[in-house]
């Protein structure tokens, strides 16, 4: 029997508009571009398996020279995504 763990869901906000085609490269997070105070802003949203995966996403954003606005994790009371444990 496999244990299941709750994978936290993150919301990462960056300055600038990022085309949704980048989603696959960014761990299949959902990308949504909007404007805030007349400036383009992109929000990446979805489950992130662990801290190493989060670091990988942030490194990729760094490599693209994008400005990070915020990184938020869903509060513990919010349901995350269940996935099987890795071996």
Foldseek 3Di string as FASTA:
>chain_A
DFDKDFFWKKKWKWWDADDQVCCVVLVNFGWDWDDDPNTIMIITIATQRDPVSVVVNVVVCVVVVIGTDDMDIPPPVDGGDMDTDDD
